[in-house]
Amino acid sequence: RPQPFEYKARYPVLKRVDLPANPYDVPPGTDQQKMWDRQRQASR
């Protein structure tokens, strides 16, 4: 299950993820690549 926030003492902080402009530049096997694969399958 994704954990988009880091919980600090005063308030939660949103974690940042760097994504390349081109989905094919993401290294294979990473969570980011799996996300792009799911989106590509859904768009068919």
N, C-alpha and C. Protein backbone atom coordinates (compact mmCIF):
# COMPACT_ATOMS: atom_id res chain seq x y z
N ARG A 1 0.84 -1.18 0.00
CA ARG A 1 0.00 0.00 0.00
C ARG A 1 0.88 1.25 0.00
N PRO A 2 0.62 2.21 -0.88
CA PRO A 2 1.46 3.41 -0.95
C PRO A 2 1.41 4.22 0.34
N GLN A 3 2.53 4.82 0.67
CA GLN A 3 2.64 5.71 1.82
C GLN A 3 3.07 7.08 1.29
N PRO A 4 2.13 7.93 0.85
CA PRO A 4 2.51 9.19 0.22
C PRO A 4 3.02 10.26 1.18
N PHE A 5 2.84 10.08 2.49
CA PHE A 5 3.24 11.11 3.44
C PHE A 5 4.28 10.61 4.42
N GLU A 6 5.19 11.52 4.83
CA GLU A 6 6.07 11.30 5.97
C GLU A 6 5.45 12.08 7.11
N TYR A 7 5.19 11.44 8.22
CA TYR A 7 4.53 12.10 9.33
C TYR A 7 5.57 12.70 10.26
N LYS A 8 5.65 14.03 10.27
CA LYS A 8 6.59 14.77 11.11
C LYS A 8 5.90 15.14 12.42
N ALA A 9 6.63 15.79 13.30
CA ALA A 9 6.10 16.14 14.62
C ALA A 9 4.89 17.06 14.53
N ARG A 10 4.91 18.02 13.60
CA ARG A 10 3.83 19.00 13.55
C ARG A 10 2.78 18.72 12.48
N TYR A 11 3.20 18.15 11.35
CA TYR A 11 2.26 17.94 10.25
C TYR A 11 2.84 16.93 9.26
N PRO A 12 2.00 16.30 8.44
CA PRO A 12 2.52 15.36 7.44
C PRO A 12 3.15 16.10 6.26
N VAL A 13 4.17 15.50 5.69
CA VAL A 13 4.88 16.07 4.54
C VAL A 13 4.74 15.10 3.37
N LEU A 14 4.30 15.61 2.23
CA LEU A 14 4.12 14.79 1.03
C LEU A 14 5.49 14.39 0.47
N LYS A 15 5.68 13.11 0.21
CA LYS A 15 6.93 12.62 -0.38
C LYS A 15 6.93 12.97 -1.86
N ARG A 16 8.05 13.44 -2.35
CA ARG A 16 8.21 13.78 -3.77
C ARG A 16 8.85 12.62 -4.51
N VAL A 17 8.38 12.38 -5.72
CA VAL A 17 8.95 11.33 -6.57
C VAL A 17 9.30 11.98 -7.90
N ASP A 18 10.53 11.77 -8.34
CA ASP A 18 10.96 12.31 -9.63
C ASP A 18 10.59 11.33 -10.73
N LEU A 19 9.82 11.81 -11.69
CA LEU A 19 9.46 11.00 -12.85
C LEU A 19 10.01 11.67 -14.10
N PRO A 20 10.58 10.91 -15.01
CA PRO A 20 11.07 11.51 -16.26
C PRO A 20 9.90 11.88 -17.17
N ALA A 21 10.19 12.76 -18.11
CA ALA A 21 9.15 13.18 -19.06
C ALA A 21 8.73 12.02 -19.95
N ASN A 22 9.68 11.16 -20.29
CA ASN A 22 9.41 10.02 -21.16
C ASN A 22 9.32 8.75 -20.31
N PRO A 23 8.19 8.04 -20.32
CA PRO A 23 8.05 6.83 -19.50
C PRO A 23 9.07 5.75 -19.82
N TYR A 24 9.62 5.75 -21.01
CA TYR A 24 10.58 4.72 -21.39
C TYR A 24 11.97 4.97 -20.79
N ASP A 25 12.18 6.11 -20.14
CA ASP A 25 13.45 6.41 -19.48
C ASP A 25 13.50 5.88 -18.05
N VAL A 26 12.41 5.32 -17.54
CA VAL A 26 12.38 4.77 -16.18
C VAL A 26 13.08 3.42 -16.18
N PRO A 27 13.98 3.18 -15.21
CA PRO A 27 14.68 1.88 -15.17
C PRO A 27 13.69 0.72 -15.00
N PRO A 28 13.92 -0.41 -15.69
CA PRO A 28 13.00 -1.54 -15.59
C PRO A 28 13.00 -2.16 -14.20
N GLY A 29 11.84 -2.67 -13.80
CA GLY A 29 11.70 -3.36 -12.53
C GLY A 29 11.42 -2.46 -11.34
N THR A 30 11.45 -1.14 -11.54
CA THR A 30 11.18 -0.22 -10.43
C THR A 30 9.67 -0.04 -10.27
N ASP A 31 9.27 0.49 -9.12
CA ASP A 31 7.85 0.76 -8.89
C ASP A 31 7.30 1.74 -9.93
N GLN A 32 8.13 2.70 -10.33
CA GLN A 32 7.70 3.68 -11.33
C GLN A 32 7.42 2.98 -12.66
N GLN A 33 8.27 2.04 -13.04
CA GLN A 33 8.06 1.33 -14.31
C GLN A 33 6.78 0.51 -14.26
N LYS A 34 6.53 -0.13 -13.13
CA LYS A 34 5.30 -0.92 -12.99
C LYS A 34 4.07 -0.02 -13.11
N MET A 35 4.15 1.22 -12.56
CA MET A 35 3.04 2.16 -12.67
C MET A 35 2.78 2.50 -14.15
N TRP A 36 3.87 2.80 -14.90
CA TRP A 36 3.70 3.13 -16.32
C TRP A 36 3.14 1.94 -17.10
N ASP A 37 3.58 0.73 -16.75
CA ASP A 37 3.06 -0.46 -17.43
C ASP A 37 1.56 -0.61 -17.21
N ARG A 38 1.10 -0.36 -15.98
CA ARG A 38 -0.34 -0.45 -15.69
C ARG A 38 -1.11 0.60 -16.48
N GLN A 39 -0.57 1.82 -16.56
CA GLN A 39 -1.27 2.88 -17.30
C GLN A 39 -1.32 2.55 -18.79
N ARG A 40 -0.24 2.00 -19.32
CA ARG A 40 -0.22 1.64 -20.74
C ARG A 40 -1.23 0.53 -21.03
N GLN A 41 -1.33 -0.46 -20.14
CA GLN A 41 -2.29 -1.55 -20.32
C GLN A 41 -3.73 -1.03 -20.25
N ALA A 42 -3.98 -0.08 -19.35
CA ALA A 42 -5.33 0.46 -19.17
C ALA A 42 -5.77 1.30 -20.38
N SER A 43 -4.81 1.89 -21.09
CA SER A 43 -5.17 2.76 -22.21
C SER A 43 -5.45 1.99 -23.50
N ARG A 44 -5.22 0.70 -23.49
CA ARG A 44 -5.45 -0.11 -24.71
C ARG A 44 -6.90 -0.40 -24.92
